[in-house]
Amino acid sequence: MNVMNYKGYAARIEYSEEDGLFVGHIAGIRDVVGFHGESVQELRNAFEEAVTDYLETCAKL
């Protein structure tokens, strides 16, 4: 398992052979926030977008 970091959040990264995608989940939060991408760059972009969306949602609540 590999890890990505962005704005103080970490993500657990795995490869899904079945789906042919990299799959990640933001670690260390109570919610389940997942994202995926076909390449490392797509995965990184999806992770950063997921963190940004998560922070915006938390601020609204």
Protein backbone atom coordinates (compact mmCIF):
# COMPACT_ATOMS: atom_id res chain seq x y z
CA MET A 1 0.00 0.00 0.00
CA ASN A 2 1.25 3.48 -0.89
CA VAL A 3 0.40 6.89 0.54
CA MET A 4 -0.21 10.35 -0.98
CA ASN A 5 -0.29 13.59 1.04
CA TYR A 6 -2.09 16.87 0.39
CA LYS A 7 -2.97 19.77 2.72
CA GLY A 8 -2.12 17.65 5.76
CA TYR A 9 -4.31 14.71 4.68
CA ALA A 10 -3.01 11.30 3.71
CA ALA A 11 -4.56 8.78 1.37
CA ARG A 12 -4.16 5.05 1.22
CA ILE A 13 -3.56 3.95 -2.36
CA GLU A 14 -4.09 0.53 -3.90
CA TYR A 15 -4.33 -0.86 -7.41
CA SER A 16 -7.51 -2.66 -8.42
CA GLU A 17 -6.58 -5.33 -10.95
CA GLU A 18 -10.27 -6.05 -11.47
CA ASP A 19 -11.09 -2.44 -12.42
CA GLY A 20 -7.71 -1.51 -13.90
CA LEU A 21 -7.60 1.60 -11.68
CA PHE A 22 -5.65 3.10 -8.83
CA VAL A 23 -8.05 3.49 -5.90
CA GLY A 24 -7.57 5.70 -2.87
CA HIS A 25 -9.33 6.69 0.34
CA ILE A 26 -8.59 9.63 2.60
CA ALA A 27 -7.15 8.19 5.82
CA GLY A 28 -7.67 9.40 9.37
CA ILE A 29 -11.15 10.90 8.99
CA ARG A 30 -14.50 9.59 10.20
CA ASP A 31 -16.11 9.85 6.77
CA VAL A 32 -15.46 7.55 3.83
CA VAL A 33 -14.04 9.59 0.95
CA GLY A 34 -12.78 7.63 -2.01
CA PHE A 35 -11.35 8.53 -5.41
CA HIS A 36 -9.73 6.78 -8.36
CA GLY A 37 -7.71 7.31 -11.52
CA GLU A 38 -6.25 5.39 -14.42
CA SER A 39 -2.83 7.03 -14.03
CA VAL A 40 -0.84 8.42 -11.13
CA GLN A 41 -1.54 11.97 -12.35
CA GLU A 42 -5.30 11.29 -12.58
CA LEU A 43 -5.18 9.77 -9.11
CA ARG A 44 -3.32 12.77 -7.67
CA ASN A 45 -5.80 15.19 -9.26
CA ALA A 46 -8.75 13.17 -7.94
CA PHE A 47 -7.19 13.07 -4.45
CA GLU A 48 -6.63 16.82 -4.36
CA GLU A 49 -10.19 17.42 -5.59
CA ALA A 50 -11.56 15.00 -2.96
CA VAL A 51 -9.67 16.79 -0.15
CA THR A 52 -10.82 20.20 -1.37
CA ASP A 53 -14.46 19.03 -1.63
CA TYR A 54 -14.24 17.42 1.81
CA LEU A 55 -12.89 20.62 3.39
CA GLU A 56 -15.55 22.76 1.68
CA THR A 57 -18.30 20.40 2.87
CA CYS A 58 -16.96 20.43 6.44
CA ALA A 59 -16.85 24.24 6.41
CA LYS A 60 -20.49 24.41 5.28
CA LEU A 61 -21.62 22.03 8.00
